[in-house]
Amino acid sequence: MPELVIAMYKPKPGKEKELLDCLKDHVPTLRQLGLATGREAVIARSRKDGTVLEVFEWVSAQAVEDAHSNSAVQEFWERLSRCAEYRNLSSLVEADEFFPHFEPIQ
């Protein structure tokens, strides 16, 4: 069964463009490996602190596990970590709001 995920990245200083360029390849790479569905990813930005959100769909829970042992995915995630810090949902200023709004990037 597919699983929807909200990934969050806080760009490192001066690295937002690099992060956004990287995210253009993220889900397509996962799709090529059979790990993400064809559902279009949504990329948006917090207007309050600049955190970038990426919403996409994994093929299954197993696909998530497989990604963590796939060297190509690991290399890609290392690339992401060079330009951003991974964040969790509760770290967003908007997390306490009903119906938070974000700036679409795509």
PDB file of N, CA and C in Angstrom:
ATOM      1  N   MET A   1       0.846  -1.179   0.000  1.00  0.00           N
ATOM      2  CA  MET A   1       0.000   0.000   0.000  1.00  0.00           C
ATOM      3  C   MET A   1       0.894   1.246   0.000  1.00  0.00           C
ATOM      4  N   PRO A   2       0.620   2.219  -0.873  1.00  0.00           N
ATOM      5  CA  PRO A   2       1.429   3.439  -0.920  1.00  0.00           C
ATOM      6  C   PRO A   2       1.389   4.216   0.399  1.00  0.00           C
ATOM      7  N   GLU A   3       2.439   4.982   0.640  1.00  0.00           N
ATOM      8  CA  GLU A   3       2.534   5.814   1.841  1.00  0.00           C
ATOM      9  C   GLU A   3       2.946   7.228   1.453  1.00  0.00           C
ATOM     10  N   LEU A   4       2.182   8.192   1.903  1.00  0.00           N
ATOM     11  CA  LEU A   4       2.483   9.600   1.659  1.00  0.00           C
ATOM     12  C   LEU A   4       3.439  10.092   2.734  1.00  0.00           C
ATOM     13  N   VAL A   5       4.419  10.873   2.331  1.00  0.00           N
ATOM     14  CA  VAL A   5       5.395  11.401   3.287  1.00  0.00           C
ATOM     15  C   VAL A   5       5.531  12.907   3.095  1.00  0.00           C
ATOM     16  N   ILE A   6       5.795  13.607   4.194  1.00  0.00           N
ATOM     17  CA  ILE A   6       6.127  15.024   4.156  1.00  0.00           C
ATOM     18  C   ILE A   6       7.564  15.126   4.658  1.00  0.00           C
ATOM     19  N   ALA A   7       8.476  15.407   3.740  1.00  0.00           N
ATOM     20  CA  ALA A   7       9.882  15.581   4.113  1.00  0.00           C
ATOM     21  C   ALA A   7      10.142  17.076   4.251  1.00  0.00           C
ATOM     22  N   MET A   8      10.948  17.449   5.239  1.00  0.00           N
ATOM     23  CA  MET A   8      11.221  18.861   5.492  1.00  0.00           C
ATOM     24  C   MET A   8      12.718  19.111   5.572  1.00  0.00           C
ATOM     25  N   TYR A   9      13.129  20.184   4.916  1.00  0.00           N
ATOM     26  CA  TYR A   9      14.538  20.532   4.823  1.00  0.00           C
ATOM     27  C   TYR A   9      14.717  22.021   5.138  1.00  0.00           C
ATOM     28  N   LYS A  10      15.585  22.315   6.067  1.00  0.00           N
ATOM     29  CA  LYS A  10      15.935  23.707   6.369  1.00  0.00           C
ATOM     30  C   LYS A  10      17.222  24.000   5.603  1.00  0.00           C
ATOM     31  N   PRO A  11      17.163  24.864   4.568  1.00  0.00           N
ATOM     32  CA  PRO A  11      18.377  25.127   3.784  1.00  0.00           C
ATOM     33  C   PRO A  11      19.500  25.697   4.643  1.00  0.00           C
ATOM     34  N   LYS A  12      20.705  25.214   4.415  1.00  0.00           N
ATOM     35  CA  LYS A  12      21.869  25.787   5.067  1.00  0.00           C
ATOM     36  C   LYS A  12      22.117  27.162   4.443  1.00  0.00           C
ATOM     37  N   PRO A  13      22.767  28.072   5.170  1.00  0.00           N
ATOM     38  CA  PRO A  13      22.991  29.424   4.643  1.00  0.00           C
ATOM     39  C   PRO A  13      23.592  29.403   3.234  1.00  0.00           C
ATOM     40  N   GLY A  14      22.936  30.124   2.326  1.00  0.00           N
ATOM     41  CA  GLY A  14      23.408  30.227   0.957  1.00  0.00           C
ATOM     42  C   GLY A  14      23.192  28.992   0.099  1.00  0.00           C
ATOM     43  N   LYS A  15      22.446  28.001   0.606  1.00  0.00           N
ATOM     44  CA  LYS A  15      22.302  26.727  -0.113  1.00  0.00           C
ATOM     45  C   LYS A  15      20.883  26.449  -0.613  1.00  0.00           C
ATOM     46  N   GLU A  16      19.981  27.432  -0.533  1.00  0.00           N
ATOM     47  CA  GLU A  16      18.597  27.152  -0.928  1.00  0.00           C
ATOM     48  C   GLU A  16      18.495  26.770  -2.406  1.00  0.00           C
ATOM     49  N   LYS A  17      19.174  27.467  -3.299  1.00  0.00           N
ATOM     50  CA  LYS A  17      19.102  27.139  -4.724  1.00  0.00           C
ATOM     51  C   LYS A  17      19.609  25.724  -4.962  1.00  0.00           C
ATOM     52  N   GLU A  18      20.709  25.379  -4.318  1.00  0.00           N
ATOM     53  CA  GLU A  18      21.267  24.029  -4.449  1.00  0.00           C
ATOM     54  C   GLU A  18      20.261  22.975  -3.966  1.00  0.00           C
ATOM     55  N   LEU A  19      19.596  23.270  -2.852  1.00  0.00           N
ATOM     56  CA  LEU A  19      18.585  22.355  -2.330  1.00  0.00           C
ATOM     57  C   LEU A  19      17.452  22.182  -3.330  1.00  0.00           C
ATOM     58  N   LEU A  20      16.935  23.272  -3.850  1.00  0.00           N
ATOM     59  CA  LEU A  20      15.818  23.197  -4.795  1.00  0.00           C
ATOM     60  C   LEU A  20      16.229  22.464  -6.067  1.00  0.00           C
ATOM     61  N   ASP A  21      17.446  22.678  -6.542  1.00  0.00           N
ATOM     62  CA  ASP A  21      17.943  21.943  -7.698  1.00  0.00           C
ATOM     63  C   ASP A  21      18.010  20.441  -7.398  1.00  0.00           C
ATOM     64  N   CYS A  22      18.446  20.113  -6.215  1.00  0.00           N
ATOM     65  CA  CYS A  22      18.544  18.721  -5.795  1.00  0.00           C
ATOM     66  C   CYS A  22      17.156  18.071  -5.727  1.00  0.00           C
ATOM     67  N   LEU A  23      16.194  18.805  -5.192  1.00  0.00           N
ATOM     68  CA  LEU A  23      14.849  18.252  -5.050  1.00  0.00           C
ATOM     69  C   LEU A  23      14.182  17.996  -6.398  1.00  0.00           C
ATOM     70  N   LYS A  24      14.600  18.718  -7.433  1.00  0.00           N
ATOM     71  CA  LYS A  24      14.047  18.459  -8.773  1.00  0.00           C
ATOM     72  C   LYS A  24      14.348  17.029  -9.210  1.00  0.00           C
ATOM     73  N   ASP A  25      15.451  16.476  -8.715  1.00  0.00           N
ATOM     74  CA  ASP A  25      15.870  15.117  -9.090  1.00  0.00           C
ATOM     75  C   ASP A  25      15.464  14.051  -8.081  1.00  0.00           C
ATOM     76  N   HIS A  26      15.042  14.455  -6.895  1.00  0.00           N
ATOM     77  CA  HIS A  26      14.821  13.499  -5.812  1.00  0.00           C
ATOM     78  C   HIS A  26      13.770  12.446  -6.153  1.00  0.00           C
ATOM     79  N   VAL A  27      12.532  12.862  -6.335  1.00  0.00           N
ATOM     80  CA  VAL A  27      11.454  11.898  -6.582  1.00  0.00           C
ATOM     81  C   VAL A  27      11.645  11.189  -7.923  1.00  0.00           C
ATOM     82  N   PRO A  28      12.068  11.880  -8.999  1.00  0.00           N
ATOM     83  CA  PRO A  28      12.342  11.136 -10.232  1.00  0.00           C
ATOM     84  C   PRO A  28      13.371  10.013 -10.032  1.00  0.00           C
ATOM     85  N   THR A  29      14.381  10.263  -9.219  1.00  0.00           N
ATOM     86  CA  THR A  29      15.371   9.221  -8.920  1.00  0.00           C
ATOM     87  C   THR A  29      14.712   8.060  -8.187  1.00  0.00           C
ATOM     88  N   LEU A  30      13.891   8.369  -7.187  1.00  0.00           N
ATOM     89  CA  LEU A  30      13.190   7.312  -6.450  1.00  0.00           C
ATOM     90  C   LEU A  30      12.268   6.524  -7.370  1.00  0.00           C
ATOM     91  N   ARG A  31      11.611   7.211  -8.301  1.00  0.00           N
ATOM     92  CA  ARG A  31      10.728   6.533  -9.266  1.00  0.00           C
ATOM     93  C   ARG A  31      11.522   5.573 -10.151  1.00  0.00           C
ATOM     94  N   GLN A  32      12.664   6.035 -10.637  1.00  0.00           N
ATOM     95  CA  GLN A  32      13.495   5.182 -11.504  1.00  0.00           C
ATOM     96  C   GLN A  32      13.908   3.903 -10.795  1.00  0.00           C
ATOM     97  N   LEU A  33      14.039   3.982  -9.494  1.00  0.00           N
ATOM     98  CA  LEU A  33      14.430   2.819  -8.694  1.00  0.00           C
ATOM     99  C   LEU A  33      13.221   2.001  -8.248  1.00  0.00           C
ATOM    100  N   GLY A  34      12.016   2.432  -8.651  1.00  0.00           N
ATOM    101  CA  GLY A  34      10.798   1.705  -8.291  1.00  0.00           C
ATOM    102  C   GLY A  34      10.344   1.933  -6.866  1.00  0.00           C
ATOM    103  N   LEU A  35      10.804   3.027  -6.243  1.00  0.00           N
ATOM    104  CA  LEU A  35      10.515   3.280  -4.833  1.00  0.00           C
ATOM    105  C   LEU A  35       9.402   4.298  -4.607  1.00  0.00           C
ATOM    106  N   ALA A  36       9.178   5.196  -5.561  1.00  0.00           N
ATOM    107  CA  ALA A  36       8.136   6.221  -5.436  1.00  0.00           C
ATOM    108  C   ALA A  36       7.100   6.010  -6.540  1.00  0.00           C
ATOM    109  N   THR A  37       5.874   6.402  -6.245  1.00  0.00           N
ATOM    110  CA  THR A  37       4.795   6.265  -7.218  1.00  0.00           C
ATOM    111  C   THR A  37       4.877   7.384  -8.258  1.00  0.00           C
ATOM    112  N   GLY A  38       3.979   7.344  -9.219  1.00  0.00           N
ATOM    113  CA  GLY A  38       3.913   8.382 -10.237  1.00  0.00           C
ATOM    114  C   GLY A  38       3.188   9.630  -9.798  1.00  0.00           C
ATOM    115  N   ARG A  39       2.655   9.628  -8.564  1.00  0.00           N
ATOM    116  CA  ARG A  39       1.972  10.826  -8.059  1.00  0.00           C
ATOM    117  C   ARG A  39       2.944  11.997  -8.062  1.00  0.00           C
ATOM    118  N   GLU A  40       2.497  13.134  -8.560  1.00  0.00           N
ATOM    119  CA  GLU A  40       3.358  14.312  -8.625  1.00  0.00           C
ATOM    120  C   GLU A  40       3.719  14.797  -7.219  1.00  0.00           C
ATOM    121  N   ALA A  41       4.987  15.078  -7.025  1.00  0.00           N
ATOM    122  CA  ALA A  41       5.438  15.614  -5.741  1.00  0.00           C
ATOM    123  C   ALA A  41       5.053  17.084  -5.645  1.00  0.00           C
ATOM    124  N   VAL A  42       4.845  17.542  -4.427  1.00  0.00           N
ATOM    125  CA  VAL A  42       4.570  18.950  -4.156  1.00  0.00           C
ATOM    126  C   VAL A  42       5.747  19.490  -3.353  1.00  0.00           C
ATOM    127  N   ILE A  43       6.291  20.612  -3.800  1.00  0.00           N
ATOM    128  CA  ILE A  43       7.380  21.263  -3.072  1.00  0.00           C
ATOM    129  C   ILE A  43       6.911  22.662  -2.712  1.00  0.00           C
ATOM    130  N   ALA A  44       7.067  23.010  -1.439  1.00  0.00           N
ATOM    131  CA  ALA A  44       6.596  24.304  -0.942  1.00  0.00           C
ATOM    132  C   ALA A  44       7.572  24.829   0.105  1.00  0.00           C
ATOM    133  N   ARG A  45       7.411  26.107   0.427  1.00  0.00           N
ATOM    134  CA  ARG A  45       8.311  26.764   1.381  1.00  0.00           C
ATOM    135  C   ARG A  45       7.501  27.416   2.490  1.00  0.00           C
ATOM    136  N   SER A  46       8.009  27.308   3.703  1.00  0.00           N
ATOM    137  CA  SER A  46       7.442  28.045   4.824  1.00  0.00           C
ATOM    138  C   SER A  46       7.754  29.518   4.625  1.00  0.00           C
ATOM    139  N   ARG A  47       6.717  30.342   4.702  1.00  0.00           N
ATOM    140  CA  ARG A  47       6.936  31.790   4.587  1.00  0.00           C
ATOM    141  C   ARG A  47       7.517  32.349   5.886  1.00  0.00           C
ATOM    142  N   LYS A  48       7.485  31.553   6.929  1.00  0.00           N
ATOM    143  CA  LYS A  48       7.924  32.046   8.236  1.00  0.00           C
ATOM    144  C   LYS A  48       9.390  31.762   8.531  1.00  0.00           C
ATOM    145  N   ASP A  49       9.906  30.608   8.078  1.00  0.00           N
ATOM    146  CA  ASP A  49      11.310  30.327   8.379  1.00  0.00           C
ATOM    147  C   ASP A  49      12.084  29.721   7.216  1.00  0.00           C
ATOM    148  N   GLY A  50      11.452  29.616   6.038  1.00  0.00           N
ATOM    149  CA  GLY A  50      12.151  29.140   4.854  1.00  0.00           C
ATOM    150  C   GLY A  50      12.318  27.636   4.728  1.00  0.00           C
ATOM    151  N   THR A  51      11.783  26.869   5.669  1.00  0.00           N
ATOM    152  CA  THR A  51      11.852  25.413   5.558  1.00  0.00           C
ATOM    153  C   THR A  51      11.152  24.975   4.277  1.00  0.00           C
ATOM    154  N   VAL A  52      11.767  24.054   3.568  1.00  0.00           N
ATOM    155  CA  VAL A  52      11.203  23.537   2.320  1.00  0.00           C
ATOM    156  C   VAL A  52      10.549  22.186   2.621  1.00  0.00           C
ATOM    157  N   LEU A  53       9.301  22.051   2.167  1.00  0.00           N
ATOM    158  CA  LEU A  53       8.552  20.811   2.342  1.00  0.00           C
ATOM    159  C   LEU A  53       8.455  20.098   1.015  1.00  0.00           C
ATOM    160  N   GLU A  54       8.618  18.801   1.050  1.00  0.00           N
ATOM    161  CA  GLU A  54       8.473  17.960  -0.130  1.00  0.00           C
ATOM    162  C   GLU A  54       7.472  16.865   0.227  1.00  0.00           C
ATOM    163  N   VAL A  55       6.360  16.823  -0.478  1.00  0.00           N
ATOM    164  CA  VAL A  55       5.325  15.825  -0.229  1.00  0.00           C
ATOM    165  C   VAL A  55       5.309  14.884  -1.421  1.00  0.00           C
ATOM    166  N   PHE A  56       5.526  13.605  -1.154  1.00  0.00           N
ATOM    167  CA  PHE A  56       5.514  12.614  -2.231  1.00  0.00           C
ATOM    168  C   PHE A  56       5.023  11.281  -1.688  1.00  0.00           C
ATOM    169  N   GLU A  57       4.907  10.317  -2.603  1.00  0.00           N
ATOM    170  CA  GLU A  57       4.324   9.032  -2.222  1.00  0.00           C
ATOM    171  C   GLU A  57       5.295   7.885  -2.501  1.00  0.00           C
ATOM    172  N   TRP A  58       5.607   7.146  -1.438  1.00  0.00           N
ATOM    173  CA  TRP A  58       6.386   5.920  -1.569  1.00  0.00           C
ATOM    174  C   TRP A  58       5.475   4.827  -2.128  1.00  0.00           C
ATOM    175  N   VAL A  59       6.032   3.870  -2.834  1.00  0.00           N
ATOM    176  CA  VAL A  59       5.269   2.741  -3.363  1.00  0.00           C
ATOM    177  C   VAL A  59       4.681   1.918  -2.218  1.00  0.00           C
ATOM    178  N   SER A  60       5.459   1.764  -1.140  1.00  0.00           N
ATOM    179  CA  SER A  60       5.032   0.934  -0.002  1.00  0.00           C
ATOM    180  C   SER A  60       5.958   1.188   1.180  1.00  0.00           C
ATOM    181  N   ALA A  61       5.587   0.620   2.320  1.00  0.00           N
ATOM    182  CA  ALA A  61       6.463   0.697   3.491  1.00  0.00           C
ATOM    183  C   ALA A  61       7.778  -0.032   3.199  1.00  0.00           C
ATOM    184  N   GLN A  62       7.693  -1.100   2.439  1.00  0.00           N
ATOM    185  CA  GLN A  62       8.902  -1.846   2.072  1.00  0.00           C
ATOM    186  C   GLN A  62       9.841  -0.987   1.223  1.00  0.00           C
ATOM    187  N   ALA A  63       9.274  -0.150   0.359  1.00  0.00           N
ATOM    188  CA  ALA A  63      10.088   0.732  -0.471  1.00  0.00           C
ATOM    189  C   ALA A  63      10.903   1.695   0.394  1.00  0.00           C
ATOM    190  N   VAL A  64      10.303   2.163   1.466  1.00  0.00           N
ATOM    191  CA  VAL A  64      11.020   3.058   2.394  1.00  0.00           C
ATOM    192  C   VAL A  64      12.214   2.318   2.984  1.00  0.00           C
ATOM    193  N   GLU A  65      11.971   1.093   3.433  1.00  0.00           N
ATOM    194  CA  GLU A  65      13.066   0.284   3.995  1.00  0.00           C
ATOM    195  C   GLU A  65      14.136   0.024   2.949  1.00  0.00           C
ATOM    196  N   ASP A  66      13.703  -0.310   1.728  1.00  0.00           N
ATOM    197  CA  ASP A  66      14.662  -0.587   0.651  1.00  0.00           C
ATOM    198  C   ASP A  66      15.518   0.642   0.344  1.00  0.00           C
ATOM    199  N   ALA A  67      14.925   1.823   0.409  1.00  0.00           N
ATOM    200  CA  ALA A  67      15.668   3.057   0.138  1.00  0.00           C
ATOM    201  C   ALA A  67      16.823   3.231   1.111  1.00  0.00           C
ATOM    202  N   HIS A  68      16.622   2.806   2.341  1.00  0.00           N
ATOM    203  CA  HIS A  68      17.655   2.982   3.362  1.00  0.00           C
ATOM    204  C   HIS A  68      18.843   2.038   3.174  1.00  0.00           C
ATOM    205  N   SER A  69      18.704   1.060   2.287  1.00  0.00           N
ATOM    206  CA  SER A  69      19.831   0.166   2.018  1.00  0.00           C
ATOM    207  C   SER A  69      20.285   0.260   0.558  1.00  0.00           C
ATOM    208  N   ASN A  70      19.776   1.245  -0.163  1.00  0.00           N
ATOM    209  CA  ASN A  70      20.133   1.428  -1.566  1.00  0.00           C
ATOM    210  C   ASN A  70      21.249   2.458  -1.661  1.00  0.00           C
ATOM    211  N   SER A  71      22.373   2.076  -2.240  1.00  0.00           N
ATOM    212  CA  SER A  71      23.531   2.983  -2.273  1.00  0.00           C
ATOM    213  C   SER A  71      23.258   4.241  -3.097  1.00  0.00           C
ATOM    214  N   ALA A  72      22.499   4.134  -4.179  1.00  0.00           N
ATOM    215  CA  ALA A  72      22.187   5.321  -4.989  1.00  0.00           C
ATOM    216  C   ALA A  72      21.341   6.309  -4.198  1.00  0.00           C
ATOM    217  N   VAL A  73      20.393   5.807  -3.441  1.00  0.00           N
ATOM    218  CA  VAL A  73      19.542   6.672  -2.617  1.00  0.00           C
ATOM    219  C   VAL A  73      20.374   7.284  -1.492  1.00  0.00           C
ATOM    220  N   GLN A  74      21.212   6.495  -0.885  1.00  0.00           N
ATOM    221  CA  GLN A  74      22.062   6.999   0.194  1.00  0.00           C
ATOM    222  C   GLN A  74      22.974   8.130  -0.308  1.00  0.00           C
ATOM    223  N   GLU A  75      23.531   7.960  -1.500  1.00  0.00           N
ATOM    224  CA  GLU A  75      24.367   9.020  -2.077  1.00  0.00           C
ATOM    225  C   GLU A  75      23.544  10.272  -2.327  1.00  0.00           C
ATOM    226  N   PHE A  76      22.318  10.099  -2.800  1.00  0.00           N
ATOM    227  CA  PHE A  76      21.449  11.250  -3.058  1.00  0.00           C
ATOM    228  C   PHE A  76      21.120  11.965  -1.752  1.00  0.00           C
ATOM    229  N   TRP A  77      20.781  11.196  -0.734  1.00  0.00           N
ATOM    230  CA  TRP A  77      20.451  11.801   0.566  1.00  0.00           C
ATOM    231  C   TRP A  77      21.656  12.506   1.171  1.00  0.00           C
ATOM    232  N   GLU A  78      22.848  12.011   0.897  1.00  0.00           N
ATOM    233  CA  GLU A  78      24.061  12.693   1.359  1.00  0.00           C
ATOM    234  C   GLU A  78      24.178  14.050   0.661  1.00  0.00           C
ATOM    235  N   ARG A  79      23.852  14.076  -0.621  1.00  0.00           N
ATOM    236  CA  ARG A  79      23.841  15.337  -1.378  1.00  0.00           C
ATOM    237  C   ARG A  79      22.850  16.322  -0.752  1.00  0.00           C
ATOM    238  N   LEU A  80      21.667  15.825  -0.400  1.00  0.00           N
ATOM    239  CA  LEU A  80      20.672  16.680   0.256  1.00  0.00           C
ATOM    240  C   LEU A  80      21.209  17.228   1.580  1.00  0.00           C
ATOM    241  N   SER A  81      21.865  16.380   2.344  1.00  0.00           N
ATOM    242  CA  SER A  81      22.331  16.813   3.670  1.00  0.00           C
ATOM    243  C   SER A  81      23.456  17.844   3.593  1.00  0.00           C
ATOM    244  N   ARG A  82      24.130  17.946   2.453  1.00  0.00           N
ATOM    245  CA  ARG A  82      25.168  18.966   2.297  1.00  0.00           C
ATOM    246  C   ARG A  82      24.566  20.363   2.129  1.00  0.00           C
ATOM    247  N   CYS A  83      23.304  20.439   1.692  1.00  0.00           N
ATOM    248  CA  CYS A  83      22.707  21.759   1.475  1.00  0.00           C
ATOM    249  C   CYS A  83      21.546  22.062   2.424  1.00  0.00           C
ATOM    250  N   ALA A  84      21.164  21.095   3.256  1.00  0.00           N
ATOM    251  CA  ALA A  84      20.030  21.339   4.162  1.00  0.00           C
ATOM    252  C   ALA A  84      20.102  20.431   5.381  1.00  0.00           C
ATOM    253  N   GLU A  85      19.425  20.874   6.427  1.00  0.00           N
ATOM    254  CA  GLU A  85      19.245  20.045   7.619  1.00  0.00           C
ATOM    255  C   GLU A  85      17.866  19.417   7.529  1.00  0.00           C
ATOM    256  N   TYR A  86      17.775  18.139   7.855  1.00  0.00           N
ATOM    257  CA  TYR A  86      16.472  17.495   7.893  1.00  0.00           C
ATOM    258  C   TYR A  86      15.710  18.010   9.108  1.00  0.00           C
ATOM    259  N   ARG A  87      14.427  18.262   8.950  1.00  0.00           N
ATOM    260  CA  ARG A  87      13.587  18.776  10.028  1.00  0.00           C
ATOM    261  C   ARG A  87      12.397  17.852  10.224  1.00  0.00           C
ATOM    262  N   ASN A  88      11.728  18.002  11.368  1.00  0.00           N
ATOM    263  CA  ASN A  88      10.499  17.243  11.594  1.00  0.00           C
ATOM    264  C   ASN A  88       9.307  18.195  11.617  1.00  0.00           C
ATOM    265  N   LEU A  89       8.146  17.631  11.492  1.00  0.00           N
ATOM    266  CA  LEU A  89       6.927  18.426  11.373  1.00  0.00           C
ATOM    267  C   LEU A  89       6.736  19.376  12.559  1.00  0.00           C
ATOM    268  N   SER A  90       7.054  18.915  13.749  1.00  0.00           N
ATOM    269  CA  SER A  90       6.846  19.766  14.930  1.00  0.00           C
ATOM    270  C   SER A  90       7.794  20.960  14.961  1.00  0.00           C
ATOM    271  N   SER A  91       8.857  20.950  14.153  1.00  0.00           N
ATOM    272  CA  SER A  91       9.796  22.078  14.142  1.00  0.00           C
ATOM    273  C   SER A  91       9.262  23.264  13.339  1.00  0.00           C
ATOM    274  N   LEU A  92       8.228  23.034  12.538  1.00  0.00           N
ATOM    275  CA  LEU A  92       7.657  24.127  11.750  1.00  0.00           C
ATOM    276  C   LEU A  92       6.869  25.087  12.622  1.00  0.00           C
ATOM    277  N   VAL A  93       7.068  26.369  12.415  1.00  0.00           N
ATOM    278  CA  VAL A  93       6.281  27.373  13.132  1.00  0.00           C
ATOM    279  C   VAL A  93       4.798  27.128  12.862  1.00  0.00           C
ATOM    280  N   GLU A  94       4.497  26.727  11.629  1.00  0.00           N
ATOM    281  CA  GLU A  94       3.109  26.503  11.220  1.00  0.00           C
ATOM    282  C   GLU A  94       2.471  25.263  11.855  1.00  0.00           C
ATOM    283  N   ALA A  95       3.249  24.433  12.522  1.00  0.00           N
ATOM    284  CA  ALA A  95       2.729  23.177  13.068  1.00  0.00           C
ATOM    285  C   ALA A  95       1.601  23.401  14.074  1.00  0.00           C
ATOM    286  N   ASP A  96       1.564  24.538  14.724  1.00  0.00           N
ATOM    287  CA  ASP A  96       0.522  24.821  15.715  1.00  0.00           C
ATOM    288  C   ASP A  96      -0.709  25.480  15.112  1.00  0.00           C
ATOM    289  N   GLU A  97      -0.685  25.742  13.812  1.00  0.00           N
ATOM    290  CA  GLU A  97      -1.798  26.429  13.169  1.00  0.00           C
ATOM    291  C   GLU A  97      -2.802  25.438  12.582  1.00  0.00           C
ATOM    292  N   PHE A  98      -4.062  25.831  12.566  1.00  0.00           N
ATOM    293  CA  PHE A  98      -5.051  25.095  11.802  1.00  0.00           C
ATOM    294  C   PHE A  98      -4.866  25.500  10.345  1.00  0.00           C
ATOM    295  N   PHE A  99      -4.850  24.555   9.452  1.00  0.00           N
ATOM    296  CA  PHE A  99      -4.752  24.818   8.016  1.00  0.00           C
ATOM    297  C   PHE A  99      -3.578  25.730   7.668  1.00  0.00           C
ATOM    298  N   PRO A 100      -2.355  25.328   7.995  1.00  0.00           N
ATOM    299  CA  PRO A 100      -1.206  26.169   7.673  1.00  0.00           C
ATOM    300  C   PRO A 100      -1.046  26.331   6.160  1.00  0.00           C
ATOM    301  N   HIS A 101      -0.556  27.483   5.769  1.00  0.00           N
ATOM    302  CA  HIS A 101      -0.356  27.802   4.359  1.00  0.00           C
ATOM    303  C   HIS A 101       1.130  27.891   4.065  1.00  0.00           C
ATOM    304  N   PHE A 102       1.502  27.453   2.843  1.00  0.00           N
ATOM    305  CA  PHE A 102       2.895  27.461   2.412  1.00  0.00           C
ATOM    306  C   PHE A 102       2.970  28.017   1.006  1.00  0.00           C
ATOM    307  N   GLU A 103       4.129  28.546   0.655  1.00  0.00           N
ATOM    308  CA  GLU A 103       4.366  29.101  -0.684  1.00  0.00           C
ATOM    309  C   GLU A 103       4.732  27.954  -1.635  1.00  0.00           C
ATOM    310  N   PRO A 104       3.948  27.739  -2.694  1.00  0.00           N
ATOM    311  CA  PRO A 104       4.315  26.684  -3.648  1.00  0.00           C
ATOM    312  C   PRO A 104       5.566  27.077  -4.416  1.00  0.00           C
ATOM    313  N   ILE A 105       6.425  26.099  -4.673  1.00  0.00           N
ATOM    314  CA  ILE A 105       7.682  26.367  -5.372  1.00  0.00           C
ATOM    315  C   ILE A 105       7.616  25.901  -6.820  1.00  0.00           C
ATOM    316  N   GLN A 106       6.924  24.843  -7.092  1.00  0.00           N
ATOM    317  CA  GLN A 106       6.908  24.280  -8.459  1.00  0.00           C
ATOM    318  C   GLN A 106       6.153  25.140  -9.423  1.00  0.00           C
TER     319      GLN A 106
END
